[in-house]
Amino acid sequence: MPHNHAGCQSPRDYFTEQLLTILVCGGLGFVAIQLYLNDMLKHILAPQFHLPVLIGGISVIALVTLRALAVWREAGELVPAGDPDDPTCKENHVHTAACNHLPGLPGAPGLDAELVDDHGHSHDMSWVFARMLILVFPIALFALGIPNSGLSPEALAAEARLTESIDAASLKDMAATATVESTETLADGATVRTLRTQNGLQLREVTPKGGEPVYSMVAQAGTEMRFNDLTEAAFDEGKRQSYTGKTAIMEGRFQPLGGGKEFTLFRQKMTCCGTDAVMLKVRIIAPQSVSGFNYFDWVRIKGVVEFIKVTGQERYVPVVRLLDVTDIELIPKDKIKNQYEF
């Protein structure tokens, strides 16, 4: 039953509880606003939920302000209840009609008799601090700089472990069935041919006089691509043809694979919040062994897109071939845009 504490009820416990609640709730509102202003929500929520968090934080601050004013006013109206030696009106007592209260409290003239016994309770502080400890937990996390780009790395690492093995065709194998687009002979007698593979890649074949041909891929102007676009294209023949042969620029986390020339680039796609994020990955193939990068490093790559059919299955996976190991570079921590893709 709602009641007023401005009479002879001991104000200490009540106002302590109110002030702690106001302080913690105000802190929660402040944290919500700061998460939005510091762009920290991108690590745990999809963009469409960022503005509601800001609005919620502002609303909490407004409610806290109103409640603080109400408690301030209530404290100002606090009046001692009659003779302090009166045994009928002690702290945390059971109210009766004999209590000497301010108007509006049990025992006041004209008050419903049903309220007289309802107010017989105390404001026990034993659970107040436990409740405050739970409420202050998000504030403590914010003070520690959480959420951040390294949120739950163990979970991300576990999801990043790949089990499938792709038997990627070599450039020489692809060139065997390619069509010739142009041919020229250099001054030293070497022959240079431009080839177009069956899956749309453009190759450059250089055959020294009396030597074996050397193949390399021909890159076009690089375009920043999303993991999700390549993942979806793997299931659509038309999109596969559209993306094949294009030069992609992508950023993600590094996962080395056996052999040294291949690694996986991955990141997560967030639909709603961090807990519903799913793994997106692309296999990267380099012409030389890749070194100098650690597992989970953020890297930027540039290479030519192709789609390889998984052996024994009717599905394709996106692959990006680097023209040189210099086409992969480490991204400094302060330059990482976002660990999630939306």
Protein backbone atom coordinates (compact mmCIF):
# COMPACT_ATOMS: atom_id res chain seq x y z
CA MET A 1 0.00 0.00 0.00
CA PRO A 2 1.50 3.43 -0.94
CA HIS A 3 2.33 5.56 2.05
CA ASN A 4 4.06 8.72 3.19
CA HIS A 5 7.20 8.71 5.33
CA ALA A 6 7.03 12.31 6.49
CA GLY A 7 5.62 11.53 9.95
CA CYS A 8 7.16 9.72 12.87
CA GLN A 9 8.54 6.88 10.68
CA SER A 10 12.34 6.91 11.02
CA PRO A 11 13.59 8.76 7.94
CA ARG A 12 17.14 7.45 7.97
CA ASP A 13 16.64 4.10 6.22
CA TYR A 14 14.01 5.40 3.86
CA PHE A 15 16.01 8.36 2.61
CA THR A 16 19.17 6.27 2.40
CA GLU A 17 17.36 3.85 0.13
CA GLN A 18 15.92 6.65 -1.98
CA LEU A 19 19.23 8.46 -2.40
CA LEU A 20 21.07 5.26 -3.37
CA THR A 21 18.38 4.42 -5.91
CA ILE A 22 18.50 7.92 -7.39
CA LEU A 23 22.30 7.79 -7.59
CA VAL A 24 22.48 4.38 -9.27
CA CYS A 25 19.63 5.04 -11.70
CA GLY A 26 21.20 8.36 -12.62
CA GLY A 27 24.46 6.52 -13.25
CA LEU A 28 22.71 4.06 -15.56
CA GLY A 29 21.18 6.90 -17.54
CA PHE A 30 24.57 8.62 -17.78
CA VAL A 31 26.23 5.40 -18.99
CA ALA A 32 23.57 4.91 -21.67
CA ILE A 33 24.19 8.42 -23.00
CA GLN A 34 27.98 8.01 -22.91
CA LEU A 35 27.81 4.66 -24.74
CA TYR A 36 25.98 6.45 -27.55
CA LEU A 37 28.21 9.53 -27.64
CA ASN A 38 31.43 7.48 -27.56
CA ASP A 39 30.17 5.10 -30.26
CA MET A 40 30.63 2.10 -27.93
CA LEU A 41 27.22 0.62 -28.72
CA LYS A 42 28.52 -0.68 -32.05
CA HIS A 43 30.26 -3.48 -30.15
CA ILE A 44 27.05 -4.90 -28.63
CA LEU A 45 24.07 -3.56 -30.61
CA ALA A 46 23.05 -3.15 -34.23
CA PRO A 47 22.86 0.51 -35.41
CA GLN A 48 19.05 0.68 -35.42
CA PHE A 49 19.03 0.29 -31.62
CA HIS A 50 21.58 3.03 -30.86
CA LEU A 51 19.12 5.94 -30.88
CA PRO A 52 16.59 4.19 -28.59
CA VAL A 53 19.40 3.66 -26.06
CA LEU A 54 20.16 7.39 -26.14
CA ILE A 55 16.48 8.28 -25.74
CA GLY A 56 16.19 5.79 -22.88
CA GLY A 57 19.21 7.27 -21.12
CA ILE A 58 17.83 10.79 -21.40
CA SER A 59 14.44 9.58 -20.11
CA VAL A 60 16.05 7.93 -17.09
CA ILE A 61 17.96 11.13 -16.26
CA ALA A 62 14.70 13.09 -16.50
CA LEU A 63 12.85 10.68 -14.19
CA VAL A 64 15.75 10.66 -11.73
CA THR A 65 15.67 14.46 -11.63
CA LEU A 66 11.93 14.50 -10.91
CA ARG A 67 12.30 11.89 -8.19
CA ALA A 68 15.21 13.76 -6.61
CA LEU A 69 13.07 16.91 -6.42
CA ALA A 70 10.21 14.94 -4.88
CA VAL A 71 12.48 13.42 -2.21
CA TRP A 72 13.97 16.84 -1.52
CA ARG A 73 10.47 18.24 -0.99
CA GLU A 74 9.49 15.28 1.17
CA ALA A 75 12.55 15.76 3.35
CA GLY A 76 11.65 19.41 3.79
CA GLU A 77 8.19 18.48 5.08
CA LEU A 78 9.58 16.09 7.70
CA VAL A 79 8.21 17.13 11.14
CA PRO A 80 8.83 15.42 14.48
CA ALA A 81 5.69 13.62 15.68
CA GLY A 82 4.66 14.99 19.09
CA ASP A 83 6.43 14.14 22.32
CA PRO A 84 9.60 12.13 21.60
CA ASP A 85 8.89 10.16 24.78
CA ASP A 86 5.47 9.12 23.56
CA PRO A 87 5.59 5.27 23.43
CA THR A 88 2.87 5.17 20.79
CA CYS A 89 4.96 6.89 18.15
CA LYS A 90 8.48 5.45 18.03
CA GLU A 91 10.66 4.61 15.02
CA ASN A 92 9.46 1.69 12.90
CA HIS A 93 6.40 1.24 15.09
CA VAL A 94 3.02 -0.34 14.38
CA HIS A 95 0.61 2.46 13.63
CA THR A 96 -2.57 2.94 15.60
CA ALA A 97 -5.19 5.64 15.85
CA ALA A 98 -3.29 7.03 18.85
CA CYS A 99 -0.32 8.07 16.70
CA ASN A 100 0.24 11.80 16.39
CA HIS A 101 0.88 12.10 12.62
CA LEU A 102 0.84 14.83 10.05
CA PRO A 103 -2.32 14.98 7.91
CA GLY A 104 -2.37 12.23 5.32
CA LEU A 105 -0.72 9.55 7.48
CA PRO A 106 -2.35 6.63 9.29
CA GLY A 107 -4.00 7.96 12.42
CA ALA A 108 -4.70 11.37 10.91
CA PRO A 109 -8.25 12.76 11.22
CA GLY A 110 -10.60 11.58 8.51
CA LEU A 111 -8.30 8.76 7.24
CA ASP A 112 -9.73 5.37 6.30
CA ALA A 113 -9.31 2.98 9.21
CA GLU A 114 -8.11 0.23 6.85
CA LEU A 115 -4.81 2.10 6.44
CA VAL A 116 -4.02 2.20 10.13
CA ASP A 117 -2.46 -1.25 10.42
CA ASP A 118 -1.10 -1.34 6.84
CA HIS A 119 1.80 0.93 7.68
CA GLY A 120 3.26 -1.31 10.38
CA HIS A 121 6.66 -2.07 8.76
CA SER A 122 10.26 -0.93 8.65
CA HIS A 123 12.60 -0.12 5.80
CA ASP A 124 15.10 -2.94 6.26
CA MET A 125 18.43 -2.06 4.58
CA SER A 126 19.69 -5.63 4.39
CA TRP A 127 18.49 -6.08 0.77
CA VAL A 128 18.98 -2.53 -0.38
CA PHE A 129 22.75 -2.78 -0.79
CA ALA A 130 22.45 -6.16 -2.54
CA ARG A 131 20.03 -4.62 -5.02
CA MET A 132 22.32 -1.63 -5.54
CA LEU A 133 25.28 -3.96 -6.17
CA ILE A 134 23.42 -5.62 -9.04
CA LEU A 135 22.27 -2.33 -10.53
CA VAL A 136 25.74 -0.81 -10.35
CA PHE A 137 27.32 -3.67 -12.31
CA PRO A 138 26.78 -2.09 -15.79
CA ILE A 139 28.28 1.14 -14.48
CA ALA A 140 31.35 -0.73 -13.27
CA LEU A 141 31.76 -2.36 -16.69
CA PHE A 142 31.60 1.05 -18.37
CA ALA A 143 34.24 2.36 -15.97
CA LEU A 144 36.48 -0.51 -17.09
CA GLY A 145 36.06 0.48 -20.74
CA ILE A 146 33.61 -2.29 -21.64
CA PRO A 147 32.17 -2.81 -24.25
CA ASN A 148 35.12 -2.48 -26.63
CA SER A 149 36.48 -4.02 -29.84
CA GLY A 150 37.92 -6.93 -27.93
CA LEU A 151 34.62 -7.99 -26.41
CA SER A 152 34.42 -11.76 -25.94
CA PRO A 153 37.51 -12.69 -27.99
CA GLU A 154 37.33 -16.26 -26.72
CA ALA A 155 33.84 -16.68 -28.13
CA LEU A 156 34.88 -15.16 -31.44
CA ALA A 157 37.95 -17.38 -31.59
CA ALA A 158 35.90 -20.50 -30.94
CA GLU A 159 33.50 -19.67 -33.76
CA ALA A 160 36.40 -18.88 -36.08
CA ARG A 161 37.76 -22.45 -36.10
CA LEU A 162 37.09 -23.82 -39.55
CA THR A 163 36.77 -27.49 -40.38
CA GLU A 164 36.20 -27.48 -44.11
CA SER A 165 39.09 -28.03 -46.50
CA ILE A 166 39.08 -26.46 -49.95
CA ASP A 167 41.10 -27.95 -52.78
CA ALA A 168 41.90 -24.70 -54.57
CA ALA A 169 43.00 -25.00 -58.19
CA SER A 170 46.34 -23.49 -59.09
CA LEU A 171 46.72 -20.69 -61.59
CA LYS A 172 48.39 -23.13 -63.97
CA ASP A 173 45.41 -25.46 -63.86
CA MET A 174 43.02 -22.59 -64.56
CA ALA A 175 45.18 -21.35 -67.43
CA ALA A 176 44.96 -24.75 -69.15
CA THR A 177 41.30 -24.17 -69.99
CA ALA A 178 41.44 -20.37 -70.39
CA THR A 179 40.89 -18.43 -73.59
CA VAL A 180 43.55 -16.13 -75.00
CA GLU A 181 42.60 -12.45 -75.13
CA SER A 182 45.89 -10.98 -76.36
CA THR A 183 49.48 -11.98 -77.16
CA GLU A 184 52.69 -9.99 -77.48
CA THR A 185 56.39 -10.74 -77.78
CA LEU A 186 58.91 -8.77 -75.74
CA ALA A 187 62.33 -7.62 -76.93
CA ASP A 188 64.08 -10.40 -75.02
CA GLY A 189 62.00 -13.02 -76.80
CA ALA A 190 59.59 -13.66 -73.95
CA THR A 191 55.94 -14.17 -74.82
CA VAL A 192 53.21 -12.45 -72.81
CA ARG A 193 49.63 -13.59 -73.08
CA THR A 194 46.49 -12.29 -71.39
CA LEU A 195 44.11 -15.12 -70.54
CA ARG A 196 40.50 -15.27 -69.39
CA THR A 197 39.63 -18.29 -67.26
CA GLN A 198 36.32 -20.11 -67.35
CA ASN A 199 35.30 -18.56 -64.04
CA GLY A 200 36.03 -15.04 -65.27
CA LEU A 201 39.49 -14.36 -63.86
CA GLN A 202 42.08 -12.56 -65.96
CA LEU A 203 45.59 -14.05 -65.95
CA ARG A 204 48.93 -12.87 -67.27
CA GLU A 205 51.18 -15.59 -68.69
CA VAL A 206 54.85 -14.74 -69.19
CA THR A 207 56.92 -17.38 -70.97
CA PRO A 208 60.66 -16.61 -71.13
CA LYS A 209 62.48 -17.74 -74.25
CA GLY A 210 63.20 -21.40 -73.74
CA GLY A 211 61.66 -21.38 -70.23
CA GLU A 212 58.48 -22.38 -68.41
CA PRO A 213 55.48 -20.02 -68.28
CA VAL A 214 54.86 -18.01 -65.12
CA TYR A 215 51.30 -17.03 -64.23
CA SER A 216 49.93 -14.11 -62.26
CA MET A 217 46.53 -12.60 -61.84
CA VAL A 218 45.61 -9.25 -63.34
CA ALA A 219 43.98 -6.97 -60.78
CA GLN A 220 41.55 -4.21 -61.57
CA ALA A 221 40.83 -1.12 -59.49
CA GLY A 222 40.10 -2.23 -55.94
CA THR A 223 36.61 -1.92 -54.44
CA GLU A 224 35.75 -2.24 -50.75
CA MET A 225 33.51 -5.26 -50.38
CA ARG A 226 31.42 -6.64 -47.52
CA PHE A 227 31.78 -10.19 -46.27
CA ASN A 228 28.04 -10.67 -46.41
CA ASP A 229 27.92 -9.74 -50.11
CA LEU A 230 30.45 -12.45 -51.02
CA THR A 231 28.75 -14.97 -48.73
CA GLU A 232 25.37 -14.39 -50.38
CA ALA A 233 26.92 -14.42 -53.87
CA ALA A 234 28.28 -17.92 -53.22
CA PHE A 235 24.68 -19.22 -53.35
CA ASP A 236 23.64 -17.30 -56.48
CA GLU A 237 25.12 -18.14 -59.87
CA GLY A 238 24.40 -14.71 -61.31
CA LYS A 239 26.07 -12.93 -58.40
CA ARG A 240 29.05 -15.28 -58.58
CA GLN A 241 29.61 -14.32 -62.20
CA SER A 242 29.21 -10.65 -61.31
CA TYR A 243 31.80 -10.70 -58.51
CA THR A 244 34.31 -13.09 -60.08
CA GLY A 245 37.41 -11.31 -61.36
CA LYS A 246 36.79 -8.11 -59.42
CA THR A 247 39.43 -6.79 -57.06
CA ALA A 248 38.20 -6.70 -53.48
CA ILE A 249 39.49 -4.67 -50.57
CA MET A 250 38.42 -6.18 -47.25
CA GLU A 251 39.17 -5.82 -43.56
CA GLY A 252 38.81 -8.58 -40.98
CA ARG A 253 40.54 -10.80 -38.44
CA PHE A 254 43.43 -13.04 -39.46
CA GLN A 255 43.37 -16.81 -38.96
CA PRO A 256 46.37 -18.75 -40.32
CA LEU A 257 45.86 -22.09 -42.06
CA GLY A 258 48.20 -24.96 -42.83
CA GLY A 259 50.77 -24.48 -45.58
CA GLY A 260 51.55 -20.81 -44.95
CA LYS A 261 50.12 -19.51 -48.23
CA GLU A 262 46.48 -19.58 -47.14
CA PHE A 263 44.60 -17.96 -44.31
CA THR A 264 41.05 -17.07 -43.41
CA LEU A 265 39.75 -13.54 -43.07
CA PHE A 266 36.67 -13.34 -40.85
CA ARG A 267 34.40 -11.03 -38.93
CA GLN A 268 30.91 -11.19 -37.44
CA LYS A 269 27.56 -10.02 -38.77
CA MET A 270 25.25 -8.46 -36.18
CA THR A 271 21.51 -8.43 -36.84
CA CYS A 272 20.27 -7.20 -33.47
CA CYS A 273 22.91 -7.48 -30.75
CA GLY A 274 26.25 -9.12 -30.04
CA THR A 275 24.73 -12.40 -28.85
CA ASP A 276 23.02 -13.09 -32.19
CA ALA A 277 26.13 -12.36 -34.30
CA VAL A 278 27.10 -14.98 -36.89
CA MET A 279 30.51 -15.67 -38.40
CA LEU A 280 31.36 -14.51 -41.92
CA LYS A 281 34.58 -15.73 -43.50
CA VAL A 282 36.53 -15.66 -46.76
CA ARG A 283 39.46 -17.88 -47.73
CA ILE A 284 42.55 -15.92 -48.80
CA ILE A 285 45.26 -17.41 -51.03
CA ALA A 286 48.65 -15.71 -51.37
CA PRO A 287 51.37 -16.45 -53.96
CA GLN A 288 54.03 -16.72 -51.22
CA SER A 289 54.07 -17.83 -47.61
CA VAL A 290 52.44 -15.29 -45.28
CA SER A 291 54.26 -14.37 -42.06
CA GLY A 292 54.38 -11.59 -39.49
CA PHE A 293 50.71 -11.80 -38.53
CA ASN A 294 49.17 -13.35 -35.43
CA TYR A 295 45.87 -15.08 -34.99
CA PHE A 296 43.04 -12.57 -34.39
CA ASP A 297 45.02 -9.60 -35.81
CA TRP A 298 42.99 -7.07 -37.77
CA VAL A 299 44.30 -6.94 -41.35
CA ARG A 300 43.43 -5.30 -44.65
CA ILE A 301 43.77 -7.27 -47.89
CA LYS A 302 43.48 -6.59 -51.59
CA GLY A 303 42.94 -9.40 -54.07
CA VAL A 304 40.91 -10.88 -56.89
CA VAL A 305 37.59 -12.57 -56.09
CA GLU A 306 36.69 -16.05 -57.25
CA PHE A 307 34.36 -18.82 -56.09
CA ILE A 308 35.57 -22.40 -55.66
CA LYS A 309 33.29 -25.41 -55.55
CA VAL A 310 33.72 -27.47 -52.42
CA THR A 311 34.91 -30.96 -53.27
CA GLY A 312 32.07 -33.47 -53.10
CA GLN A 313 29.43 -30.82 -52.44
CA GLU A 314 27.10 -28.69 -54.54
CA ARG A 315 28.14 -25.39 -53.02
CA TYR A 316 30.75 -22.70 -53.52
CA VAL A 317 32.87 -20.69 -51.14
CA PRO A 318 34.28 -17.20 -51.76
CA VAL A 319 38.05 -16.99 -52.23
CA VAL A 320 40.26 -13.92 -52.67
CA ARG A 321 43.64 -14.38 -54.34
CA LEU A 322 46.37 -11.91 -53.47
CA LEU A 323 48.76 -10.85 -56.20
CA ASP A 324 51.56 -10.42 -53.66
CA VAL A 325 52.06 -10.78 -49.91
CA THR A 326 52.41 -7.02 -49.75
CA ASP A 327 48.66 -6.87 -50.44
CA ILE A 328 48.02 -7.76 -46.80
CA GLU A 329 48.73 -5.20 -44.09
CA LEU A 330 48.18 -4.98 -40.35
CA ILE A 331 45.58 -2.46 -39.14
CA PRO A 332 46.57 -0.48 -36.01
CA LYS A 333 44.11 -0.81 -33.13
CA ASP A 334 43.16 2.87 -33.30
CA LYS A 335 42.28 2.50 -37.00
CA ILE A 336 39.85 -0.41 -36.63
CA LYS A 337 36.45 0.77 -37.86
CA ASN A 338 34.18 -1.90 -36.42
CA GLN A 339 34.53 -5.58 -35.61
CA TYR A 340 30.96 -6.22 -36.74
CA GLU A 341 29.31 -6.08 -40.13
CA PHE A 342 25.65 -5.04 -40.31
